[in-house]
C-alpha atoms as a PDB file:
ATOM      1  CA  MET A   1       5.945  -3.522 -45.143  1.00  0.00           C
ATOM      2  CA  PRO A   2       9.211  -1.791 -46.027  1.00  0.00           C
ATOM      3  CA  TYR A   3      12.195  -1.313 -43.771  1.00  0.00           C
ATOM      4  CA  VAL A   4      13.913   2.044 -43.444  1.00  0.00           C
ATOM      5  CA  ILE A   5      17.243   3.451 -42.430  1.00  0.00           C
ATOM      6  CA  ARG A   6      17.483   6.955 -41.019  1.00  0.00           C
ATOM      7  CA  ASP A   7      20.170   9.631 -41.006  1.00  0.00           C
ATOM      8  CA  ALA A   8      21.488  11.353 -37.860  1.00  0.00           C
ATOM      9  CA  ALA A   9      18.537  13.762 -37.922  1.00  0.00           C
ATOM     10  CA  GLY A  10      16.054  10.878 -37.956  1.00  0.00           C
ATOM     11  CA  LYS A  11      15.008  11.448 -41.565  1.00  0.00           C
ATOM     12  CA  ILE A  12      14.536   8.415 -43.832  1.00  0.00           C
ATOM     13  CA  CYS A  13      17.551   8.033 -46.112  1.00  0.00           C
ATOM     14  CA  GLY A  14      16.913   4.532 -47.479  1.00  0.00           C
ATOM     15  CA  ILE A  15      14.100   2.067 -47.955  1.00  0.00           C
ATOM     16  CA  PHE A  16      14.534  -1.702 -48.216  1.00  0.00           C
ATOM     17  CA  GLU A  17      12.197  -4.554 -49.036  1.00  0.00           C
ATOM     18  CA  GLN A  18      13.494  -6.675 -46.183  1.00  0.00           C
ATOM     19  CA  ALA A  19      15.465  -6.264 -42.991  1.00  0.00           C
ATOM     20  CA  GLU A  20      19.232  -6.145 -43.464  1.00  0.00           C
ATOM     21  CA  VAL A  21      22.185  -5.524 -41.183  1.00  0.00           C
ATOM     22  CA  GLY A  22      21.624  -2.079 -39.686  1.00  0.00           C
ATOM     23  CA  VAL A  23      18.157  -1.838 -41.247  1.00  0.00           C
ATOM     24  CA  GLY A  24      15.551  -3.135 -38.869  1.00  0.00           C
ATOM     25  CA  GLU A  25      12.896  -0.451 -38.565  1.00  0.00           C
ATOM     26  CA  GLU A  26       9.698  -1.607 -40.229  1.00  0.00           C
ATOM     27  CA  ILE A  27       7.290   1.093 -41.355  1.00  0.00           C
ATOM     28  CA  ALA A  28       3.919   1.117 -43.117  1.00  0.00           C
ATOM     29  CA  ALA A  29       4.197   1.548 -46.889  1.00  0.00           C
ATOM     30  CA  ASN A  30       1.617   4.336 -46.773  1.00  0.00           C
ATOM     31  CA  ASP A  31       3.348   6.244 -43.954  1.00  0.00           C
ATOM     32  CA  PRO A  32       3.695   9.959 -44.884  1.00  0.00           C
ATOM     33  CA  GLU A  33       7.462   9.776 -44.242  1.00  0.00           C
ATOM     34  CA  VAL A  34       7.786   7.029 -46.862  1.00  0.00           C
ATOM     35  CA  THR A  35       5.747   9.058 -49.340  1.00  0.00           C
ATOM     36  CA  ARG A  36       7.870  12.151 -48.687  1.00  0.00           C
ATOM     37  CA  PHE A  37      11.096  10.176 -49.190  1.00  0.00           C
ATOM     38  CA  LEU A  38       9.841   8.668 -52.444  1.00  0.00           C
ATOM     39  CA  VAL A  39       8.786  12.086 -53.769  1.00  0.00           C
ATOM     40  CA  GLU A  40      12.191  13.555 -52.845  1.00  0.00           C
ATOM     41  CA  GLN A  41      13.906  10.692 -54.696  1.00  0.00           C
ATOM     42  CA  GLY A  42      11.691  11.141 -57.769  1.00  0.00           C
ATOM     43  CA  LEU A  43      10.104   7.744 -57.183  1.00  0.00           C
ATOM     44  CA  SER A  44       6.538   8.697 -56.312  1.00  0.00           C
ATOM     45  CA  THR A  45       4.920   6.939 -59.295  1.00  0.00           C
ATOM     46  CA  PRO A  46       5.821   3.893 -61.363  1.00  0.00           C
ATOM     47  CA  ASP A  47       6.508   6.164 -64.357  1.00  0.00           C
ATOM     48  CA  SER A  48       8.843   8.414 -62.377  1.00  0.00           C
ATOM     49  CA  ALA A  49      10.636   5.360 -60.994  1.00  0.00           C
ATOM     50  CA  ARG A  50      11.085   4.056 -64.558  1.00  0.00           C
ATOM     51  CA  GLN A  51      12.542   7.409 -65.615  1.00  0.00           C
ATOM     52  CA  VAL A  52      15.017   7.359 -62.730  1.00  0.00           C
ATOM     53  CA  LEU A  53      16.052   3.821 -63.695  1.00  0.00           C
ATOM     54  CA  GLN A  54      16.428   4.754 -67.374  1.00  0.00           C
ATOM     55  CA  SER A  55      18.650   7.684 -66.479  1.00  0.00           C
ATOM     56  CA  SER A  56      20.660   5.461 -64.161  1.00  0.00           C
ATOM     57  CA  ASP A  57      20.939   2.785 -66.852  1.00  0.00           C
ATOM     58  CA  LEU A  58      22.572   5.245 -69.242  1.00  0.00           C
ATOM     59  CA  LYS A  59      25.128   6.200 -66.612  1.00  0.00           C
ATOM     60  CA  MET A  60      25.770   2.539 -65.783  1.00  0.00           C
ATOM     61  CA  ILE A  61      26.463   1.748 -69.444  1.00  0.00           C
ATOM     62  CA  ARG A  62      29.267   4.300 -69.452  1.00  0.00           C
ATOM     63  CA  LEU A  63      30.554   2.920 -66.158  1.00  0.00           C
ATOM     64  CA  VAL A  64      30.644  -0.614 -67.573  1.00  0.00           C
ATOM     65  CA  ASP A  65      32.515   0.658 -70.648  1.00  0.00           C
ATOM     66  CA  ASP A  66      35.066   2.363 -68.419  1.00  0.00           C
ATOM     67  CA  LEU A  67      35.460  -0.724 -66.200  1.00  0.00           C
ATOM     68  CA  ILE A  68      36.074  -2.956 -69.210  1.00  0.00           C
ATOM     69  CA  ASP A  69      38.639  -0.450 -70.507  1.00  0.00           C
ATOM     70  CA  LEU A  70      40.390  -0.415 -67.131  1.00  0.00           C
ATOM     71  CA  MET A  71      40.424  -4.199 -66.755  1.00  0.00           C
ATOM     72  CA  ILE A  72      41.856  -4.619 -70.257  1.00  0.00           C
ATOM     73  CA  GLU A  73      44.431  -1.885 -69.621  1.00  0.00           C
ATOM     74  CA  LYS A  74      45.543  -3.570 -66.378  1.00  0.00           C
ATOM     75  CA  ASP A  75      45.662  -6.989 -68.080  1.00  0.00           C
ATOM     76  CA  LEU A  76      43.013  -8.375 -65.737  1.00  0.00           C
ATOM     77  CA  ILE A  77      41.043  -9.570 -68.758  1.00  0.00           C
ATOM     78  CA  LYS A  78      41.692  -9.781 -72.452  1.00  0.00           C
ATOM     79  CA  PHE A  79      39.234  -8.505 -75.028  1.00  0.00           C
ATOM     80  CA  THR A  80      38.978 -12.097 -76.272  1.00  0.00           C
ATOM     81  CA  ASP A  81      37.739 -13.164 -72.813  1.00  0.00           C
ATOM     82  CA  LEU A  82      34.451 -11.375 -73.498  1.00  0.00           C
ATOM     83  CA  PRO A  83      31.649 -13.451 -74.993  1.00  0.00           C
ATOM     84  CA  PRO A  84      31.488 -12.754 -78.755  1.00  0.00           C
ATOM     85  CA  ALA A  85      28.214 -10.808 -78.589  1.00  0.00           C
ATOM     86  CA  ALA A  86      29.482  -8.681 -75.692  1.00  0.00           C
ATOM     87  CA  GLY A  87      32.774  -8.028 -77.471  1.00  0.00           C
ATOM     88  CA  GLU A  88      30.947  -6.920 -80.610  1.00  0.00           C
ATOM     89  CA  LYS A  89      28.721  -4.511 -78.651  1.00  0.00           C
ATOM     90  CA  TYR A  90      31.723  -3.189 -76.763  1.00  0.00           C
ATOM     91  CA  LEU A  91      33.614  -2.540 -80.011  1.00  0.00           C
ATOM     92  CA  GLN A  92      30.595  -0.810 -81.562  1.00  0.00           C
ATOM     93  CA  ARG A  93      30.367   1.517 -78.560  1.00  0.00           C
ATOM     94  CA  GLN A  94      34.103   2.206 -78.609  1.00  0.00           C
ATOM     95  CA  VAL A  95      34.015   3.159 -82.296  1.00  0.00           C
ATOM     96  CA  ALA A  96      30.950   5.360 -81.783  1.00  0.00           C
ATOM     97  CA  ARG A  97      32.522   7.060 -78.743  1.00  0.00           C
ATOM     98  CA  LYS A  98      35.759   7.764 -80.622  1.00  0.00           C
ATOM     99  CA  ARG A  99      33.880   9.247 -83.573  1.00  0.00           C
ATOM    100  CA  LEU A 100      31.754  11.371 -81.280  1.00  0.00           C
ATOM    101  CA  GLN A 101      34.824  12.480 -79.309  1.00  0.00           C
ATOM    102  CA  ILE A 102      36.312  13.895 -82.505  1.00  0.00           C
ATOM    103  CA  VAL A 103      33.181  16.003 -83.022  1.00  0.00           C
ATOM    104  CA  VAL A 104      32.200  17.109 -79.505  1.00  0.00           C
ATOM    105  CA  GLY A 105      34.993  16.165 -77.092  1.00  0.00           C
ATOM    106  CA  GLU A 106      35.125  13.538 -74.336  1.00  0.00           C
ATOM    107  CA  HIS A 107      33.387  15.634 -71.663  1.00  0.00           C
ATOM    108  CA  ASP A 108      30.203  15.857 -73.772  1.00  0.00           C
ATOM    109  CA  ILE A 109      29.939  12.103 -74.338  1.00  0.00           C
ATOM    110  CA  LEU A 110      27.561  10.207 -72.060  1.00  0.00           C
END
């Protein structure tokens, strides 16, 4: 059975597989409140959950790019610290982003 956390109004605002600090309320997986929460989050079916994850993955890729840029800029890591395959992928994305930026502008790039 899942564990839930609730907001000030008593509405479910998070679901967890196991109890965690501050998350101790166990609830039946088929409880209507759980179903309602999952529908509101776009997670009511395996396919919809996959779509949410795919969309999130695309945003995370950009975040990782930006974090690598920041760490290199602040001299926390060097480009050569990246494993060769990761460095190659990073460079490919940087080149593609720069080319796309010329055409559409930074705000339109994922």
